[in-house]
Amino acid sequence: MPQFGYLCGVSLCAFCGRHPVEARWRPFCSERCKLQDLARWADGSYRIPAEAVAGEDEHDGHEPQKDEPPE
């Protein structure tokens, strides 16, 4: 079912898009939507598409000095 909150000037939740935004949880409607959005970022569901770089390694090429602890 389409949501038409934007026609009335009402901001809808950035996660579910069904409920008006609560000032306390802005830009979400509730703590539940806020936490579900955070969980999607944490588990890698949200990704920015990019092309793989040839020859890119796990480290940045910096080797720790004898006095410097490994990262």
N, C-alpha and C. Protein backbone atom coordinates (compact mmCIF):
# COMPACT_ATOMS: atom_id res chain seq x y z
N MET A 1 0.85 -1.17 0.00
CA MET A 1 0.00 0.00 0.00
C MET A 1 0.89 1.24 0.00
N PRO A 2 0.72 2.18 -0.93
CA PRO A 2 1.57 3.37 -0.98
C PRO A 2 1.31 4.30 0.20
N GLN A 3 2.36 4.99 0.59
CA GLN A 3 2.26 5.94 1.69
C GLN A 3 2.29 7.34 1.11
N PHE A 4 1.38 8.19 1.56
CA PHE A 4 1.27 9.54 1.01
C PHE A 4 1.53 10.61 2.05
N GLY A 5 2.30 10.30 3.08
CA GLY A 5 2.61 11.27 4.12
C GLY A 5 3.31 12.50 3.59
N TYR A 6 4.10 12.32 2.55
CA TYR A 6 4.84 13.45 1.98
C TYR A 6 3.90 14.49 1.38
N LEU A 7 2.69 14.07 0.98
CA LEU A 7 1.73 15.01 0.41
C LEU A 7 1.17 15.95 1.47
N CYS A 8 1.13 15.51 2.71
CA CYS A 8 0.59 16.31 3.80
C CYS A 8 1.68 17.08 4.54
N GLY A 9 2.92 16.96 4.12
CA GLY A 9 4.02 17.62 4.81
C GLY A 9 4.47 16.90 6.05
N VAL A 10 4.07 15.65 6.22
CA VAL A 10 4.45 14.85 7.38
C VAL A 10 5.70 14.06 7.04
N SER A 11 6.71 14.12 7.90
CA SER A 11 7.91 13.31 7.70
C SER A 11 7.65 11.91 8.20
N LEU A 12 7.91 10.92 7.34
CA LEU A 12 7.71 9.53 7.72
C LEU A 12 9.04 8.92 8.15
N CYS A 13 8.96 7.86 8.91
CA CYS A 13 10.12 7.14 9.43
C CYS A 13 11.06 6.74 8.29
N ALA A 14 12.36 6.96 8.51
CA ALA A 14 13.37 6.60 7.50
C ALA A 14 13.52 5.09 7.35
N PHE A 15 13.09 4.31 8.33
CA PHE A 15 13.24 2.86 8.25
C PHE A 15 11.98 2.20 7.72
N CYS A 16 10.86 2.39 8.39
CA CYS A 16 9.64 1.69 7.98
C CYS A 16 8.79 2.49 6.99
N GLY A 17 8.90 3.81 7.02
CA GLY A 17 8.14 4.65 6.11
C GLY A 17 6.64 4.65 6.35
N ARG A 18 6.20 4.12 7.47
CA ARG A 18 4.77 4.00 7.74
C ARG A 18 4.25 4.95 8.80
N HIS A 19 5.12 5.36 9.72
CA HIS A 19 4.67 6.17 10.85
C HIS A 19 5.37 7.53 10.84
N PRO A 20 4.69 8.54 11.39
CA PRO A 20 5.32 9.85 11.47
C PRO A 20 6.57 9.82 12.37
N VAL A 21 7.52 10.67 12.05
CA VAL A 21 8.77 10.75 12.81
C VAL A 21 8.49 11.32 14.20
N GLU A 22 9.09 10.69 15.21
CA GLU A 22 9.03 11.20 16.57
C GLU A 22 10.29 12.02 16.81
N ALA A 23 10.14 13.19 17.38
CA ALA A 23 11.30 14.07 17.63
C ALA A 23 12.37 13.35 18.44
N ARG A 24 11.95 12.52 19.37
CA ARG A 24 12.89 11.80 20.25
C ARG A 24 13.78 10.83 19.47
N TRP A 25 13.26 10.24 18.40
CA TRP A 25 14.00 9.21 17.64
C TRP A 25 14.37 9.67 16.24
N ARG A 26 14.22 10.92 15.94
CA ARG A 26 14.46 11.48 14.61
C ARG A 26 15.66 10.87 13.94
N PRO A 27 15.66 10.40 12.73
CA PRO A 27 14.61 10.43 11.71
C PRO A 27 13.72 9.19 11.71
N PHE A 28 13.64 8.52 12.84
CA PHE A 28 12.82 7.30 12.94
C PHE A 28 11.57 7.57 13.75
N CYS A 29 10.63 6.61 13.71
CA CYS A 29 9.38 6.77 14.45
C CYS A 29 9.46 6.17 15.85
N SER A 30 10.45 5.31 16.08
CA SER A 30 10.54 4.64 17.37
C SER A 30 11.95 4.11 17.60
N GLU A 31 12.20 3.70 18.82
CA GLU A 31 13.50 3.10 19.14
C GLU A 31 13.67 1.80 18.36
N ARG A 32 12.59 1.06 18.16
CA ARG A 32 12.65 -0.20 17.42
C ARG A 32 13.20 0.01 16.01
N CYS A 33 12.65 0.99 15.28
CA CYS A 33 13.13 1.25 13.92
C CYS A 33 14.57 1.74 13.95
N LYS A 34 14.92 2.55 14.93
CA LYS A 34 16.29 3.04 15.07
C LYS A 34 17.26 1.87 15.24
N LEU A 35 16.92 0.93 16.11
CA LEU A 35 17.79 -0.21 16.37
C LEU A 35 17.85 -1.18 15.19
N GLN A 36 16.74 -1.36 14.50
CA GLN A 36 16.75 -2.23 13.33
C GLN A 36 17.63 -1.65 12.22
N ASP A 37 17.59 -0.34 12.05
CA ASP A 37 18.44 0.31 11.06
C ASP A 37 19.92 0.15 11.45
N LEU A 38 20.24 0.36 12.71
CA LEU A 38 21.60 0.19 13.20
C LEU A 38 22.08 -1.24 12.98
N ALA A 39 21.21 -2.21 13.23
CA ALA A 39 21.58 -3.62 13.04
C ALA A 39 21.90 -3.92 11.58
N ARG A 40 21.17 -3.31 10.66
CA ARG A 40 21.46 -3.52 9.23
C ARG A 40 22.82 -2.94 8.86
N TRP A 41 23.19 -1.80 9.44
CA TRP A 41 24.53 -1.25 9.19
C TRP A 41 25.59 -2.17 9.77
N ALA A 42 25.34 -2.67 10.99
CA ALA A 42 26.33 -3.50 11.69
C ALA A 42 26.57 -4.83 10.99
N ASP A 43 25.53 -5.44 10.45
CA ASP A 43 25.74 -6.75 9.81
C ASP A 43 26.11 -6.65 8.34
N GLY A 44 26.24 -5.43 7.82
CA GLY A 44 26.69 -5.26 6.45
C GLY A 44 25.59 -5.31 5.40
N SER A 45 24.33 -5.24 5.82
CA SER A 45 23.23 -5.25 4.86
C SER A 45 23.24 -4.00 3.98
N TYR A 46 23.64 -2.88 4.57
CA TYR A 46 23.77 -1.65 3.80
C TYR A 46 25.19 -1.57 3.29
N ARG A 47 25.34 -1.49 1.99
CA ARG A 47 26.67 -1.42 1.39
C ARG A 47 26.67 -0.38 0.28
N ILE A 48 27.79 0.26 0.10
CA ILE A 48 27.95 1.20 -0.99
C ILE A 48 28.62 0.45 -2.12
N PRO A 49 27.98 0.36 -3.29
CA PRO A 49 28.57 -0.39 -4.39
C PRO A 49 29.85 0.28 -4.89
N ALA A 50 30.85 -0.54 -5.14
CA ALA A 50 32.13 -0.04 -5.65
C ALA A 50 32.81 -1.16 -6.42
N GLU A 51 33.75 -0.77 -7.25
CA GLU A 51 34.54 -1.75 -7.98
C GLU A 51 35.75 -2.14 -7.14
N ALA A 52 36.14 -3.39 -7.22
CA ALA A 52 37.30 -3.87 -6.48
C ALA A 52 38.57 -3.23 -7.05
N VAL A 53 39.49 -2.92 -6.15
CA VAL A 53 40.77 -2.35 -6.56
C VAL A 53 41.77 -3.48 -6.68
N ALA A 54 42.41 -3.61 -7.83
CA ALA A 54 43.38 -4.68 -8.05
C ALA A 54 44.59 -4.52 -7.15
N GLY A 55 45.01 -5.60 -6.49
CA GLY A 55 46.22 -5.60 -5.67
C GLY A 55 46.04 -4.98 -4.30
N GLU A 56 44.83 -4.71 -3.88
CA GLU A 56 44.62 -4.12 -2.57
C GLU A 56 44.73 -5.20 -1.50
N ASP A 57 45.54 -4.95 -0.48
CA ASP A 57 45.76 -5.91 0.61
C ASP A 57 44.94 -5.52 1.83
N GLU A 58 44.94 -6.39 2.82
CA GLU A 58 44.23 -6.15 4.07
C GLU A 58 44.86 -5.02 4.87
N HIS A 59 46.16 -4.81 4.77
CA HIS A 59 46.80 -3.75 5.54
C HIS A 59 47.12 -2.57 4.64
N ASP A 60 47.54 -1.48 5.25
CA ASP A 60 47.80 -0.26 4.50
C ASP A 60 49.24 -0.15 4.02
N GLY A 61 50.04 -1.18 4.17
CA GLY A 61 51.43 -1.15 3.73
C GLY A 61 52.38 -0.64 4.79
N HIS A 62 51.87 -0.19 5.90
CA HIS A 62 52.69 0.33 6.97
C HIS A 62 53.14 -0.82 7.86
N GLU A 63 54.42 -0.99 7.99
CA GLU A 63 54.97 -2.02 8.87
C GLU A 63 55.32 -1.37 10.20
N PRO A 64 54.89 -1.94 11.33
CA PRO A 64 55.20 -1.33 12.63
C PRO A 64 56.70 -1.33 12.91
N GLN A 65 57.17 -0.27 13.56
CA GLN A 65 58.56 -0.17 13.99
C GLN A 65 58.74 -1.06 15.21
N LYS A 66 59.99 -1.29 15.61
CA LYS A 66 60.26 -2.15 16.76
C LYS A 66 59.62 -1.60 18.03
N ASP A 67 59.56 -0.26 18.18
CA ASP A 67 58.98 0.34 19.39
C ASP A 67 57.46 0.47 19.30
N GLU A 68 56.91 0.28 18.12
CA GLU A 68 55.49 0.51 17.89
C GLU A 68 54.70 -0.81 18.00
N PRO A 69 53.63 -0.82 18.80
CA PRO A 69 52.83 -2.06 18.89
C PRO A 69 52.06 -2.29 17.60
N PRO A 70 51.82 -3.54 17.25
CA PRO A 70 51.04 -3.83 16.04
C PRO A 70 49.61 -3.31 16.23
N GLU A 71 48.96 -2.96 15.10
CA GLU A 71 47.59 -2.42 15.17
C GLU A 71 46.57 -3.48 15.39
